[in-house]
Amino acid sequence: MKNLTCQKHLFSLPNEISYFNNAYMAPSLKAVSAAGIAGVEQKNRPYEVLPTHFFEDTEALRAEYARLINVTDPQRIVTIPSVSYGIANAARNIDFEPGDEILLIDEQFPSNVYVWQRLAKEQALSIRVVAPPETSEHRGKAWNERILAAISPQTKVVAMAQVHWADGTLFDLEAIRRRTHETKSLLIIDGTQSVGALPFNVATIQPDALVCAGYKWLMGGYSLGLAYYGEYFDQGTPIEENWMNRHESENFAGLVNYQEKYQEGALRYEVGEHSNFILIPMLKAAITQINEWGVANIQAYTQALTQAMVTRLRVKGCWIEDENHRAAHIIGVHLPNGVDVAHVKDLLTSQQVYVSVRGHSIRISSHVYNNEEDIQKLLTCFEQVLDSKAATSTER
């Protein structure tokens, strides 16, 4: 493990911008932009594009991503256009029986909700949503305990994330996986808000499917993501019938020799036109850089950067999840009663400090391009509002 320093020089972010909104959309690395531009310009010379080029960059991307999430077989990784697409492939191939239960987490991102709601209606299934406890003391710990207690032999699928997208609450996937093994339940993970910034070990967690958008913590372009599918899905039927997910599709001369057989294992779930000559090189460049930094180092950097900030905000009356039960790269700041969330957001934006409002909290999502100067700008804005509120309360 190495200590990272600020990496802002690898991005094109102006110095006056303090961007704490990576959970919304990552800024492009200069190398990622260059890869995308090269892909656009390549289209000017289509005579240089060979049949092998339709597969080579995708294979290289699989290898980089396999290294990131500790997968020994890169052929279990496929490209997808969105999380909903990747989840839909999994959902289509689960053998449900009437009365089976699907377990979800309260207010998780809708890409990992809507397909389960539809299936529940169509197949007489039940959905169980595990809400957080109504307490601020050890909330994350208690929420994890509730999830473990809710998983039962009736639970066919647990569909959730590694961290909650709104406030960074950390879910203990290793413990949840052990429990799902006991109940013979499937574990479907949306890793969009964690993979790339928080260690995720497929060999340890053993998800049945891991689906991630590419434009946030994987730092690629929009409309390209990655999915890992385990052995449960090896004989499944994909949601689309494209020529590239069929057996021997690499043989361009024989494409009209139509193949009934799919590519082996997970490759059958690859999106059509996956050889995206712009987005594939961009995502490959991004994940190569993430691997060079090291995900554990990214998490350590954001933890060190935000630790003092969290302490100061708590002193001012804000509630933030315990360190042991949240990620460092996404922090949900719950403001004291009477403080207008929108007002805080507007003040931050006016000072070119960019965050998101999610629910009743300000979501701060930092990365290696942030530095101490960014933190001070952020705190100045928060304290201006919070100190004003405290003064008003004292006068009353």
Protein backbone atom coordinates (compact mmCIF):
# COMPACT_ATOMS: atom_id res chain seq x y z
CA MET A 1 0.00 0.00 0.00
CA LYS A 2 1.32 3.43 -0.94
CA ASN A 3 0.37 6.90 0.22
CA LEU A 4 -1.22 8.80 -2.64
CA THR A 5 -0.79 12.52 -3.06
CA CYS A 6 -3.33 14.71 -4.85
CA GLN A 7 -3.68 13.63 -8.48
CA LYS A 8 -5.46 16.71 -9.81
CA HIS A 9 -2.71 17.23 -12.40
CA LEU A 10 -4.01 14.15 -14.23
CA PHE A 11 -7.40 15.82 -14.75
CA SER A 12 -8.54 18.96 -16.55
CA LEU A 13 -10.40 20.44 -13.58
CA PRO A 14 -9.82 24.20 -13.22
CA ASN A 15 -8.10 25.21 -9.98
CA GLU A 16 -11.05 27.34 -8.89
CA ILE A 17 -13.43 24.34 -9.06
CA SER A 18 -13.87 22.19 -5.96
CA TYR A 19 -15.65 19.11 -7.24
CA PHE A 20 -17.13 16.81 -4.58
CA ASN A 21 -19.63 15.11 -6.86
CA ASN A 22 -17.89 12.03 -8.27
CA ALA A 23 -20.88 9.92 -7.20
CA TYR A 24 -22.91 11.95 -9.72
CA MET A 25 -20.38 11.82 -12.57
CA ALA A 26 -16.60 11.53 -12.60
CA PRO A 27 -14.49 14.09 -14.44
CA SER A 28 -12.41 12.51 -17.17
CA LEU A 29 -8.75 11.85 -16.70
CA LYS A 30 -6.67 13.47 -19.42
CA ALA A 31 -5.67 9.99 -20.57
CA VAL A 32 -9.32 8.95 -20.79
CA SER A 33 -10.21 12.00 -22.88
CA ALA A 34 -7.26 11.30 -25.17
CA ALA A 35 -8.40 7.71 -25.65
CA GLY A 36 -11.90 8.87 -26.56
CA ILE A 37 -10.64 11.48 -29.02
CA ALA A 38 -8.41 8.89 -30.66
CA GLY A 39 -11.45 6.64 -31.03
CA VAL A 40 -13.46 9.40 -32.67
CA GLU A 41 -10.64 10.20 -35.08
CA GLN A 42 -10.18 6.52 -35.94
CA LYS A 43 -13.64 6.62 -37.56
CA ASN A 44 -12.08 8.91 -40.20
CA ARG A 45 -10.04 5.90 -41.34
CA PRO A 46 -12.39 2.89 -41.35
CA TYR A 47 -10.07 1.05 -43.73
CA GLU A 48 -7.68 0.62 -40.80
CA VAL A 49 -10.24 -1.21 -38.64
CA LEU A 50 -9.61 -4.95 -38.82
CA PRO A 51 -11.92 -7.77 -37.64
CA THR A 52 -9.54 -8.43 -34.74
CA HIS A 53 -10.07 -4.87 -33.50
CA PHE A 54 -13.68 -5.74 -32.69
CA PHE A 55 -12.43 -7.97 -29.89
CA GLU A 56 -8.92 -6.97 -28.79
CA ASP A 57 -9.70 -3.84 -26.75
CA THR A 58 -12.67 -5.50 -25.08
CA GLU A 59 -10.48 -8.43 -24.05
CA ALA A 60 -7.90 -6.01 -22.64
CA LEU A 61 -10.65 -4.20 -20.74
CA ARG A 62 -11.87 -7.48 -19.26
CA ALA A 63 -8.34 -8.25 -18.06
CA GLU A 64 -7.94 -4.86 -16.36
CA TYR A 65 -11.32 -5.12 -14.67
CA ALA A 66 -10.65 -8.70 -13.59
CA ARG A 67 -7.52 -7.42 -11.87
CA LEU A 68 -9.52 -4.68 -10.16
CA ILE A 69 -12.18 -6.97 -8.65
CA ASN A 70 -10.02 -10.11 -8.29
CA VAL A 71 -11.61 -12.37 -10.89
CA THR A 72 -9.46 -15.24 -12.16
CA ASP A 73 -11.47 -15.74 -15.37
CA PRO A 74 -11.95 -12.49 -17.35
CA GLN A 75 -14.51 -14.27 -19.56
CA ARG A 76 -16.96 -13.86 -16.69
CA ILE A 77 -16.94 -10.11 -17.34
CA VAL A 78 -19.05 -8.48 -20.04
CA THR A 79 -19.71 -4.95 -21.23
CA ILE A 80 -23.17 -3.49 -20.70
CA PRO A 81 -24.80 -0.15 -21.61
CA SER A 82 -26.35 0.42 -18.18
CA VAL A 83 -26.93 -1.10 -14.76
CA SER A 84 -30.58 -1.78 -15.59
CA TYR A 85 -29.44 -3.84 -18.60
CA GLY A 86 -27.05 -5.90 -16.49
CA ILE A 87 -29.61 -6.47 -13.75
CA ALA A 88 -32.24 -7.43 -16.34
CA ASN A 89 -30.00 -10.18 -17.72
CA ALA A 90 -29.71 -11.64 -14.23
CA ALA A 91 -33.39 -11.24 -13.38
CA ARG A 92 -34.51 -12.97 -16.58
CA ASN A 93 -32.57 -16.11 -15.71
CA ILE A 94 -33.58 -16.75 -12.11
CA ASP A 95 -35.86 -19.73 -11.52
CA PHE A 96 -38.55 -18.26 -9.29
CA GLU A 97 -41.49 -20.04 -7.73
CA PRO A 98 -44.67 -18.34 -6.50
CA GLY A 99 -44.15 -17.05 -2.97
CA ASP A 100 -40.41 -16.53 -3.32
CA GLU A 101 -39.11 -13.36 -1.73
CA ILE A 102 -36.86 -10.66 -3.17
CA LEU A 103 -35.02 -8.64 -0.55
CA LEU A 104 -34.14 -5.00 -1.30
CA ILE A 105 -32.62 -2.16 0.71
CA ASP A 106 -34.68 0.93 1.50
CA GLU A 107 -34.32 3.73 -1.06
CA GLN A 108 -31.69 1.96 -3.14
CA PHE A 109 -31.10 3.20 -6.66
CA PRO A 110 -34.06 2.36 -8.96
CA SER A 111 -31.98 0.50 -11.56
CA ASN A 112 -31.86 -2.33 -9.04
CA VAL A 113 -35.53 -2.05 -8.08
CA TYR A 114 -37.88 -1.74 -11.05
CA VAL A 115 -37.17 -5.11 -12.66
CA TRP A 116 -37.80 -6.87 -9.33
CA GLN A 117 -41.10 -5.03 -8.89
CA ARG A 118 -42.24 -6.16 -12.33
CA LEU A 119 -41.22 -9.78 -11.71
CA ALA A 120 -43.01 -9.77 -8.37
CA LYS A 121 -46.26 -8.77 -10.09
CA GLU A 122 -45.85 -11.23 -12.96
CA GLN A 123 -44.81 -14.27 -10.93
CA ALA A 124 -46.63 -13.81 -7.60
CA LEU A 125 -43.44 -13.02 -5.70
CA SER A 126 -43.07 -10.86 -2.62
CA ILE A 127 -40.68 -7.98 -2.09
CA ARG A 128 -39.23 -7.26 1.32
CA VAL A 129 -37.57 -3.88 1.86
CA VAL A 130 -35.18 -3.49 4.78
CA ALA A 131 -35.30 0.05 6.14
CA PRO A 132 -32.69 1.62 8.42
CA PRO A 133 -33.50 1.93 12.11
CA GLU A 134 -34.94 5.24 13.28
CA THR A 135 -31.88 6.12 15.31
CA SER A 136 -28.67 8.02 14.78
CA GLU A 137 -26.65 5.90 17.19
CA HIS A 138 -24.80 3.03 15.50
CA ARG A 139 -27.31 3.25 12.67
CA GLY A 140 -25.16 1.47 10.08
CA LYS A 141 -24.41 -1.42 12.41
CA ALA A 142 -28.07 -1.87 13.26
CA TRP A 143 -29.09 -1.65 9.59
CA ASN A 144 -26.70 -4.46 8.70
CA GLU A 145 -28.11 -6.55 11.54
CA ARG A 146 -31.62 -5.98 10.20
CA ILE A 147 -30.57 -7.14 6.74
CA LEU A 148 -29.03 -10.34 8.08
CA ALA A 149 -32.12 -11.05 10.17
CA ALA A 150 -34.41 -10.48 7.17
CA ILE A 151 -32.75 -13.11 4.95
CA SER A 152 -34.67 -16.36 5.26
CA PRO A 153 -35.18 -19.65 3.39
CA GLN A 154 -37.97 -17.85 1.48
CA THR A 155 -35.47 -15.30 0.17
CA LYS A 156 -34.66 -16.18 -3.44
CA VAL A 157 -32.67 -13.02 -4.21
CA VAL A 158 -30.90 -10.34 -2.22
CA ALA A 159 -30.45 -7.37 -4.57
CA MET A 160 -28.49 -4.51 -3.06
CA ALA A 161 -25.35 -2.38 -3.20
CA GLN A 162 -22.05 -2.37 -1.32
CA VAL A 163 -22.70 1.17 -0.10
CA HIS A 164 -25.89 3.21 -0.03
CA TRP A 165 -25.77 5.68 -2.89
CA ALA A 166 -27.28 8.54 -0.87
CA ASP A 167 -25.01 8.64 2.17
CA GLY A 168 -22.28 6.02 1.86
CA THR A 169 -23.60 3.61 4.50
CA LEU A 170 -21.45 0.49 4.19
CA PHE A 171 -23.05 -2.93 3.97
CA ASP A 172 -21.16 -6.00 5.17
CA LEU A 173 -21.35 -8.09 2.01
CA GLU A 174 -19.14 -10.86 3.36
CA ALA A 175 -21.53 -11.47 6.26
CA ILE A 176 -24.53 -11.12 3.96
CA ARG A 177 -23.00 -13.62 1.51
CA ARG A 178 -22.45 -16.12 4.32
CA ARG A 179 -26.09 -15.77 5.30
CA THR A 180 -27.31 -16.17 1.70
CA HIS A 181 -25.25 -19.34 1.37
CA GLU A 182 -27.12 -20.71 4.40
CA THR A 183 -30.49 -19.88 2.84
CA LYS A 184 -29.46 -20.75 -0.74
CA SER A 185 -30.30 -17.21 -1.86
CA LEU A 186 -28.74 -15.39 -4.81
CA LEU A 187 -26.75 -12.19 -4.22
CA ILE A 188 -27.04 -9.55 -6.95
CA ILE A 189 -24.89 -6.46 -6.35
CA ASP A 190 -25.04 -3.00 -7.91
CA GLY A 191 -21.45 -1.87 -7.39
CA THR A 192 -21.78 1.46 -9.18
CA GLN A 193 -21.11 3.61 -6.11
CA SER A 194 -18.23 1.60 -4.71
CA VAL A 195 -16.25 -0.44 -7.24
CA GLY A 196 -13.23 1.60 -8.24
CA ALA A 197 -13.03 3.54 -4.97
CA LEU A 198 -13.63 0.84 -2.34
CA PRO A 199 -12.06 -2.63 -2.47
CA PHE A 200 -14.39 -5.30 -3.87
CA ASN A 201 -13.07 -8.86 -3.92
CA VAL A 202 -15.18 -11.23 -6.00
CA ALA A 203 -13.26 -14.23 -4.71
CA THR A 204 -14.19 -13.30 -1.13
CA ILE A 205 -17.72 -11.95 -1.57
CA GLN A 206 -18.71 -14.43 -4.30
CA PRO A 207 -21.65 -12.48 -5.74
CA ASP A 208 -23.83 -14.24 -8.27
CA ALA A 209 -23.78 -11.02 -10.28
CA LEU A 210 -21.94 -7.72 -9.90
CA VAL A 211 -23.14 -4.88 -12.13
CA CYS A 212 -21.49 -1.45 -12.40
CA ALA A 213 -22.00 1.71 -14.42
CA GLY A 214 -18.72 2.96 -15.84
CA TYR A 215 -19.00 6.73 -15.60
CA LYS A 216 -18.71 7.21 -11.84
CA TRP A 217 -16.01 5.48 -9.78
CA LEU A 218 -14.71 3.47 -12.76
CA MET A 219 -14.11 6.90 -14.35
CA GLY A 220 -15.05 5.97 -17.91
CA GLY A 221 -17.51 7.51 -20.35
CA TYR A 222 -21.30 7.50 -20.14
CA SER A 223 -23.32 4.55 -21.52
CA LEU A 224 -20.77 1.81 -20.89
CA GLY A 225 -20.52 -0.38 -17.80
CA LEU A 226 -19.33 -3.81 -16.77
CA ALA A 227 -21.01 -6.88 -15.34
CA TYR A 228 -19.67 -10.03 -13.72
CA TYR A 229 -21.87 -13.15 -13.81
CA GLY A 230 -21.19 -16.25 -11.75
CA GLU A 231 -21.79 -19.90 -12.58
CA TYR A 232 -25.51 -19.77 -11.77
CA PHE A 233 -26.08 -17.86 -15.01
CA ASP A 234 -23.87 -19.95 -17.30
CA GLN A 235 -26.76 -21.58 -19.18
CA GLY A 236 -29.08 -18.58 -19.24
CA THR A 237 -30.75 -16.70 -22.09
CA PRO A 238 -29.63 -13.10 -22.72
CA ILE A 239 -32.15 -10.30 -23.09
CA GLU A 240 -30.97 -9.57 -26.65
CA GLU A 241 -29.92 -11.75 -29.58
CA ASN A 242 -26.89 -10.08 -31.12
CA TRP A 243 -24.43 -11.72 -33.49
CA MET A 244 -21.40 -11.15 -31.26
CA ASN A 245 -22.67 -13.23 -28.36
CA ARG A 246 -23.01 -16.31 -30.59
CA HIS A 247 -20.47 -19.09 -30.94
CA GLU A 248 -17.54 -18.35 -33.32
CA SER A 249 -18.69 -14.79 -34.00
CA GLU A 250 -15.00 -13.91 -34.43
CA ASN A 251 -15.16 -15.57 -37.86
CA PHE A 252 -16.51 -12.73 -39.99
CA ALA A 253 -16.49 -14.85 -43.15
CA GLY A 254 -18.88 -17.35 -41.58
CA LEU A 255 -21.43 -15.07 -39.92
CA VAL A 256 -24.27 -16.31 -42.13
CA ASN A 257 -23.64 -19.83 -40.86
CA TYR A 258 -26.11 -19.03 -38.11
CA GLN A 259 -25.21 -20.42 -34.72
CA GLU A 260 -27.73 -21.73 -32.23
CA LYS A 261 -25.05 -21.91 -29.55
CA TYR A 262 -24.14 -18.88 -27.48
CA GLN A 263 -20.65 -17.88 -26.44
CA GLU A 264 -19.55 -19.77 -23.35
CA GLY A 265 -20.67 -18.71 -19.88
CA ALA A 266 -21.08 -15.01 -19.19
CA LEU A 267 -20.11 -13.85 -22.69
CA ARG A 268 -23.66 -14.58 -23.88
CA TYR A 269 -24.80 -11.53 -21.90
CA GLU A 270 -22.57 -9.03 -23.71
CA VAL A 271 -24.40 -6.07 -25.21
CA GLY A 272 -24.67 -5.78 -28.98
CA GLU A 273 -22.00 -3.62 -30.66
CA HIS A 274 -19.83 -4.04 -27.58
CA SER A 275 -16.75 -3.18 -29.66
CA ASN A 276 -17.36 0.50 -29.02
CA PHE A 277 -14.25 2.08 -30.49
CA ILE A 278 -14.66 5.21 -28.36
CA LEU A 279 -16.02 4.10 -24.99
CA ILE A 280 -14.05 0.84 -24.66
CA PRO A 281 -10.61 2.53 -24.90
CA MET A 282 -11.80 5.24 -22.50
CA LEU A 283 -12.90 2.77 -19.84
CA LYS A 284 -9.78 0.68 -20.33
CA ALA A 285 -7.57 3.74 -19.79
CA ALA A 286 -9.56 4.68 -16.69
CA ILE A 287 -9.39 1.27 -15.03
CA THR A 288 -5.71 0.94 -15.89
CA GLN A 289 -5.11 4.16 -13.95
CA ILE A 290 -7.28 3.00 -11.04
CA ASN A 291 -5.27 -0.21 -10.85
CA GLU A 292 -2.06 1.82 -10.87
CA TRP A 293 -3.27 3.94 -7.96
CA GLY A 294 -4.73 0.97 -6.10
CA VAL A 295 -8.32 1.03 -4.85
CA ALA A 296 -7.29 0.66 -1.20
CA ASN A 297 -5.03 3.69 -1.65
CA ILE A 298 -7.89 5.72 -3.14
CA GLN A 299 -10.07 4.87 -0.16
CA ALA A 300 -7.26 5.73 2.26
CA TYR A 301 -6.69 9.07 0.51
CA THR A 302 -10.34 10.10 0.77
CA GLN A 303 -10.47 8.97 4.40
CA ALA A 304 -7.43 11.04 5.37
CA LEU A 305 -8.69 14.04 3.39
CA THR A 306 -12.16 14.12 4.95
CA GLN A 307 -11.50 12.97 8.53
CA ALA A 308 -11.01 16.43 10.08
CA MET A 309 -13.93 17.80 8.06
CA VAL A 310 -16.26 15.16 9.47
CA THR A 311 -15.17 16.00 13.01
CA ARG A 312 -15.81 19.72 12.52
CA LEU A 313 -19.23 19.18 10.95
CA ARG A 314 -20.27 16.95 13.84
CA VAL A 315 -19.23 19.66 16.29
CA LYS A 316 -21.51 22.03 14.38
CA GLY A 317 -24.47 19.70 14.91
CA CYS A 318 -24.46 17.63 11.72
CA TRP A 319 -25.03 13.89 11.80
CA ILE A 320 -22.71 11.64 9.79
CA GLU A 321 -22.62 7.84 9.88
CA ASP A 322 -19.98 6.14 12.08
CA GLU A 323 -16.63 5.65 10.34
CA ASN A 324 -16.82 1.87 10.79
CA HIS A 325 -20.12 1.70 8.94
CA ARG A 326 -19.67 4.04 5.99
CA ALA A 327 -17.30 4.47 3.09
CA ALA A 328 -14.89 7.41 3.01
CA HIS A 329 -15.51 8.39 -0.61
CA ILE A 330 -19.24 9.09 -0.09
CA ILE A 331 -20.32 11.02 2.99
CA GLY A 332 -23.91 11.98 3.72
CA VAL A 333 -24.13 15.09 5.90
CA HIS A 334 -27.48 15.35 7.67
CA LEU A 335 -27.98 18.97 8.67
CA PRO A 336 -29.42 20.13 12.01
CA ASN A 337 -33.17 20.69 12.19
CA GLY A 338 -34.17 23.99 10.66
CA VAL A 339 -31.26 24.25 8.24
CA ASP A 340 -32.43 24.40 4.63
CA VAL A 341 -30.59 21.79 2.55
CA ALA A 342 -31.27 23.68 -0.68
CA HIS A 343 -29.83 26.88 0.80
CA VAL A 344 -26.59 25.11 1.71
CA LYS A 345 -26.39 23.59 -1.77
CA ASP A 346 -26.94 26.98 -3.43
CA LEU A 347 -24.26 28.63 -1.30
CA LEU A 348 -21.77 25.89 -2.16
CA THR A 349 -22.52 26.20 -5.87
CA SER A 350 -22.07 29.98 -5.73
CA GLN A 351 -18.53 29.36 -4.44
CA GLN A 352 -17.89 26.75 -7.17
CA VAL A 353 -18.07 23.88 -4.70
CA TYR A 354 -20.09 21.07 -6.25
CA VAL A 355 -22.00 18.48 -4.22
CA SER A 356 -25.37 16.71 -4.50
CA VAL A 357 -28.51 16.70 -2.40
CA ARG A 358 -29.80 13.20 -1.82
CA GLY A 359 -32.85 12.85 0.35
CA HIS A 360 -32.40 14.98 3.46
CA SER A 361 -28.62 15.11 3.28
CA ILE A 362 -25.79 16.79 1.43
CA ARG A 363 -23.76 14.10 -0.33
CA ILE A 364 -20.03 14.78 -0.48
CA SER A 365 -18.16 12.40 -2.78
CA SER A 366 -14.43 13.03 -2.98
CA HIS A 367 -11.62 11.54 -5.03
CA VAL A 368 -7.88 11.84 -5.54
CA TYR A 369 -8.28 15.13 -7.45
CA ASN A 370 -9.52 16.83 -4.25
CA ASN A 371 -7.13 18.55 -1.86
CA GLU A 372 -7.09 20.40 1.45
CA GLU A 373 -7.93 23.70 -0.23
CA ASP A 374 -11.14 22.13 -1.55
CA ILE A 375 -12.00 20.91 1.95
CA GLN A 376 -11.50 24.38 3.43
CA LYS A 377 -13.80 25.96 0.83
CA LEU A 378 -16.42 23.34 1.59
CA LEU A 379 -16.17 23.86 5.34
CA THR A 380 -16.29 27.64 5.04
CA CYS A 381 -19.65 27.42 3.29
CA PHE A 382 -21.07 24.91 5.76
CA GLU A 383 -19.91 26.89 8.78
CA GLN A 384 -21.30 30.14 7.38
CA VAL A 385 -24.78 28.61 7.36
CA LEU A 386 -24.45 26.59 10.56
CA ASP A 387 -22.95 29.44 12.59
CA SER A 388 -25.69 31.76 11.35
CA LYS A 389 -28.32 29.23 12.43
CA ALA A 390 -26.68 28.87 15.85
CA ALA A 391 -26.58 32.65 16.32
CA THR A 392 -30.26 32.96 15.39
CA SER A 393 -31.19 30.20 17.84
CA THR A 394 -29.22 31.91 20.63
CA GLU A 395 -30.97 35.23 20.01
CA ARG A 396 -34.32 33.54 20.40
